[in-house]
Amino acid sequence: MIRFILVALLALAPLVAHAQTEQQTLVDRATLSVQEMLGDPDANDARSMLRKAKGAMVCPRVFKAGFIVGGQGGGCVLVGRGNAGWTYPAFYGMGSGSIGLQIGVQDSEVIFIILTDKGLHALLDSQFKIGADAGVALATIGAGIQGSTTAAFRADIVAYSRSRGLFAGVSLDGSMIGARSEWNQAYYGRMMAAQQIVLQGEGSNPGAEPLREMLARFSNG
């Protein structure tokens, strides 16, 4: 019996390691996006909003491709901000589909700066459709645009983005953001809801320390 358990654990180990590698890659990319986007000299407005933020969701690669039928998707991490600083990340996925006259490929980075408790709780839901909740005000601004975010300060969530590719800009309306509980479990070693991580400050993984430190760097100034 003991031998059987050991064989089962050995067989499972590569799967766990692979999952942790996927998640750590997403966390590392999110850290780089925060560093590059908020470190931009023209990102003063975004940094100012981050200092007042209740939380942030970072989507380091929102990939969109289309030829008549288009689709958009990517992985995201959500962190909260409390008295002890930024929490460890909870994992989310983003996806959408569209039909229309379009052609091209776009690779975007998006940081959702969450300014109110209402906005934070909306994203914490198991599924949140951007633009569908009339009670949550969301503003979208592009990287490098300065002095154009006066209205954004009245929003619950501000999506700060930059894009590369043939599409003119990143369109987030209609995108569905959903929790990935199985990724939380693999990354933290036990089943955890996003609310436990983001609101209650549970969970710990040293691989996420650079992300927390980078957010602290731009929000404590």
Protein backbone atom coordinates (compact mmCIF):
# COMPACT_ATOMS: atom_id res chain seq x y z
CA MET A 1 0.00 0.00 0.00
CA ILE A 2 2.80 2.42 0.92
CA ARG A 3 4.56 1.54 -2.33
CA PHE A 4 1.37 2.30 -4.28
CA ILE A 5 1.04 5.71 -2.62
CA LEU A 6 4.67 6.56 -3.38
CA VAL A 7 4.24 5.56 -7.03
CA ALA A 8 1.10 7.71 -7.25
CA LEU A 9 2.86 10.71 -5.72
CA LEU A 10 5.81 10.33 -8.07
CA ALA A 11 3.46 10.19 -11.04
CA LEU A 12 1.64 13.30 -9.85
CA ALA A 13 4.76 15.38 -9.15
CA PRO A 14 5.51 16.36 -12.77
CA LEU A 15 1.89 17.54 -13.22
CA VAL A 16 2.08 19.71 -10.10
CA ALA A 17 5.46 21.13 -11.13
CA HIS A 18 4.08 21.93 -14.60
CA ALA A 19 1.08 23.75 -13.11
CA GLN A 20 3.28 25.75 -10.77
CA THR A 21 5.55 26.66 -13.69
CA GLU A 22 2.57 27.95 -15.70
CA GLN A 23 1.35 30.02 -12.80
CA GLN A 24 4.78 31.38 -11.92
CA THR A 25 5.30 32.37 -15.55
CA LEU A 26 2.06 34.37 -15.42
CA VAL A 27 3.11 36.03 -12.14
CA ASP A 28 6.54 36.89 -13.59
CA ARG A 29 4.99 38.38 -16.72
CA ALA A 30 2.59 40.39 -14.57
CA THR A 31 5.54 41.75 -12.58
CA LEU A 32 7.28 42.80 -15.79
CA SER A 33 4.11 44.50 -17.08
CA VAL A 34 3.79 46.52 -13.86
CA GLN A 35 7.45 47.52 -14.06
CA GLU A 36 7.34 48.57 -17.71
CA MET A 37 3.91 50.21 -17.82
CA LEU A 38 3.95 52.05 -14.51
CA GLY A 39 7.63 52.88 -14.88
CA ASP A 40 6.88 54.82 -18.06
CA PRO A 41 7.62 58.54 -17.53
CA ASP A 42 4.18 59.33 -18.98
CA ALA A 43 2.35 57.10 -16.47
CA ASN A 44 2.01 59.71 -13.71
CA ASP A 45 -1.80 59.50 -13.76
CA ALA A 46 -1.75 55.71 -13.47
CA ARG A 47 0.73 55.83 -10.59
CA SER A 48 -1.38 58.44 -8.83
CA MET A 49 -4.46 56.22 -9.11
CA LEU A 50 -2.52 53.20 -7.88
CA ARG A 51 -1.66 55.06 -4.65
CA LYS A 52 -5.40 55.20 -3.88
CA ALA A 53 -6.22 51.74 -5.17
CA LYS A 54 -8.08 49.00 -3.31
CA GLY A 55 -6.53 46.41 -5.58
CA ALA A 56 -5.19 45.69 -9.05
CA MET A 57 -5.64 43.07 -11.72
CA VAL A 58 -2.75 42.57 -14.14
CA CYS A 59 -3.25 40.81 -17.49
CA PRO A 60 0.22 40.70 -19.06
CA ARG A 61 -0.85 39.16 -22.38
CA VAL A 62 -4.34 39.74 -23.74
CA PHE A 63 -4.07 38.17 -27.16
CA LYS A 64 -6.59 39.01 -29.88
CA ALA A 65 -6.69 37.57 -33.38
CA GLY A 66 -9.35 37.76 -36.01
CA PHE A 67 -10.41 37.19 -39.59
CA ILE A 68 -14.19 37.80 -39.73
CA VAL A 69 -14.54 35.75 -36.53
CA GLY A 70 -12.35 37.05 -33.71
CA GLY A 71 -11.44 36.04 -30.20
CA GLN A 72 -9.64 37.51 -27.22
CA GLY A 73 -8.15 35.88 -24.16
CA GLY A 74 -5.38 35.75 -21.59
CA GLY A 75 -4.43 35.04 -18.00
CA CYS A 76 -4.66 37.57 -15.18
CA VAL A 77 -3.72 37.92 -11.51
CA LEU A 78 -5.75 39.87 -8.95
CA VAL A 79 -4.19 41.37 -5.82
CA GLY A 80 -5.79 43.34 -3.03
CA ARG A 81 -4.37 46.10 -0.87
CA GLY A 82 -4.84 46.22 2.87
CA ASN A 83 -3.13 47.50 5.99
CA ALA A 84 -0.31 44.99 5.51
CA GLY A 85 0.27 46.03 1.89
CA TRP A 86 -0.43 44.12 -1.30
CA THR A 87 -1.74 40.57 -1.02
CA TYR A 88 -0.54 37.52 -2.91
CA PRO A 89 -2.23 36.97 -6.30
CA ALA A 90 -5.43 35.12 -7.11
CA PHE A 91 -5.62 33.70 -10.63
CA TYR A 92 -8.17 34.62 -13.29
CA GLY A 93 -8.71 34.10 -17.00
CA MET A 94 -10.13 36.49 -19.60
CA GLY A 95 -11.94 35.53 -22.79
CA SER A 96 -14.36 36.84 -25.39
CA GLY A 97 -15.56 36.19 -28.92
CA SER A 98 -16.79 38.45 -31.68
CA ILE A 99 -18.10 38.32 -35.23
CA GLY A 100 -17.58 41.21 -37.64
CA LEU A 101 -15.39 42.73 -40.30
CA GLN A 102 -11.93 42.51 -38.78
CA ILE A 103 -8.49 41.26 -39.62
CA GLY A 104 -5.27 41.39 -37.66
CA VAL A 105 -3.42 40.26 -34.57
CA GLN A 106 -3.01 42.20 -31.34
CA ASP A 107 -0.98 41.57 -28.22
CA SER A 108 -1.96 43.83 -25.30
CA GLU A 109 -1.07 44.38 -21.67
CA VAL A 110 -3.78 45.58 -19.29
CA ILE A 111 -3.63 46.72 -15.67
CA PHE A 112 -7.01 47.17 -14.00
CA ILE A 113 -6.56 49.72 -11.21
CA ILE A 114 -9.42 49.14 -8.75
CA LEU A 115 -10.38 52.35 -6.99
CA THR A 116 -13.46 51.33 -4.96
CA ASP A 117 -14.66 48.44 -2.83
CA LYS A 118 -17.56 48.04 -5.27
CA GLY A 119 -15.14 47.54 -8.13
CA LEU A 120 -13.05 45.06 -6.15
CA HIS A 121 -16.06 42.96 -5.16
CA ALA A 122 -17.29 42.95 -8.76
CA LEU A 123 -14.01 41.45 -9.99
CA LEU A 124 -13.98 38.98 -7.11
CA ASP A 125 -17.16 37.37 -8.43
CA SER A 126 -16.58 34.01 -10.08
CA GLN A 127 -17.46 35.64 -13.41
CA PHE A 128 -17.52 39.34 -14.34
CA LYS A 129 -18.49 40.62 -17.79
CA ILE A 130 -16.91 43.96 -18.62
CA GLY A 131 -19.50 46.55 -19.58
CA ALA A 132 -22.47 44.42 -18.50
CA ASP A 133 -22.78 45.72 -14.92
CA ALA A 134 -24.22 49.23 -15.12
CA GLY A 135 -23.45 49.74 -11.42
CA VAL A 136 -19.69 49.46 -11.96
CA ALA A 137 -18.06 52.38 -13.78
CA LEU A 138 -15.03 51.39 -15.85
CA ALA A 139 -12.75 53.77 -17.76
CA THR A 140 -10.10 52.73 -20.29
CA ILE A 141 -6.95 54.74 -21.02
CA GLY A 142 -3.88 54.01 -23.12
CA ALA A 143 -0.28 53.93 -22.00
CA GLY A 144 1.63 57.11 -22.68
CA ILE A 145 -1.49 59.32 -22.59
CA GLN A 146 -1.07 62.08 -20.05
CA GLY A 147 -3.69 64.49 -18.73
CA SER A 148 -6.66 62.61 -20.22
CA THR A 149 -7.86 60.75 -17.15
CA THR A 150 -9.90 63.32 -15.23
CA ALA A 151 -13.06 61.26 -15.69
CA ALA A 152 -11.20 58.08 -14.76
CA PHE A 153 -10.78 59.29 -11.17
CA ARG A 154 -14.58 58.93 -10.78
CA ALA A 155 -14.54 55.36 -12.03
CA ASP A 156 -14.67 52.21 -9.93
CA ILE A 157 -12.08 50.52 -12.14
CA VAL A 158 -9.60 52.05 -14.59
CA ALA A 159 -8.15 49.80 -17.30
CA TYR A 160 -4.68 51.08 -18.23
CA SER A 161 -3.50 49.40 -21.43
CA ARG A 162 -0.94 49.34 -24.16
CA SER A 163 -1.09 47.34 -27.37
CA ARG A 164 1.05 46.10 -30.21
CA GLY A 165 -0.38 44.88 -33.50
CA LEU A 166 -2.76 45.71 -36.31
CA PHE A 167 -5.92 46.47 -34.33
CA ALA A 168 -6.34 50.17 -33.57
CA GLY A 169 -6.82 49.69 -29.85
CA VAL A 170 -7.77 47.23 -27.16
CA SER A 171 -11.53 46.73 -26.74
CA LEU A 172 -12.52 45.18 -23.41
CA ASP A 173 -16.32 45.48 -23.48
CA GLY A 174 -17.95 42.06 -23.49
CA SER A 175 -14.86 40.29 -22.17
CA MET A 176 -15.57 37.75 -19.45
CA ILE A 177 -13.21 37.52 -16.47
CA GLY A 178 -13.47 34.28 -14.49
CA ALA A 179 -11.74 32.88 -11.40
CA ARG A 180 -9.36 29.92 -11.78
CA SER A 181 -9.61 28.19 -8.42
CA GLU A 182 -7.58 25.19 -9.56
CA TRP A 183 -4.62 27.48 -10.24
CA ASN A 184 -4.91 28.92 -6.73
CA GLN A 185 -4.83 25.40 -5.33
CA ALA A 186 -1.75 24.40 -7.30
CA TYR A 187 0.12 27.62 -6.49
CA TYR A 188 -0.63 27.67 -2.74
CA GLY A 189 -0.90 23.96 -2.06
CA ARG A 190 -4.54 24.02 -0.94
CA MET A 191 -7.94 24.98 -2.25
CA MET A 192 -8.44 28.71 -1.79
CA ALA A 193 -11.10 31.10 -3.06
CA ALA A 194 -10.04 34.44 -4.48
CA GLN A 195 -11.81 36.18 -1.57
CA GLN A 196 -9.56 34.38 0.93
CA ILE A 197 -6.43 35.54 -0.87
CA VAL A 198 -7.43 39.09 -1.83
CA LEU A 199 -9.68 40.13 1.06
CA GLN A 200 -8.38 38.04 3.96
CA GLY A 201 -4.71 38.03 3.02
CA GLU A 202 -4.37 34.24 3.10
CA GLY A 203 -1.89 32.32 0.99
CA SER A 204 1.84 32.74 0.57
CA ASN A 205 4.30 31.91 -2.20
CA PRO A 206 7.79 33.46 -2.40
CA GLY A 207 7.52 33.49 -6.18
CA ALA A 208 5.03 36.37 -5.93
CA GLU A 209 7.22 38.62 -3.77
CA PRO A 210 8.67 40.57 -6.75
CA LEU A 211 5.12 41.39 -7.91
CA ARG A 212 4.13 42.65 -4.47
CA GLU A 213 7.34 44.67 -4.17
CA MET A 214 6.88 46.21 -7.62
CA LEU A 215 3.32 47.28 -6.79
CA ALA A 216 4.52 48.72 -3.48
CA ARG A 217 7.24 50.64 -5.30
CA PHE A 218 4.74 52.46 -7.50
CA SER A 219 1.99 52.90 -4.90
CA ASN A 220 4.00 54.23 -1.95
CA GLY A 221 5.47 57.28 -3.67
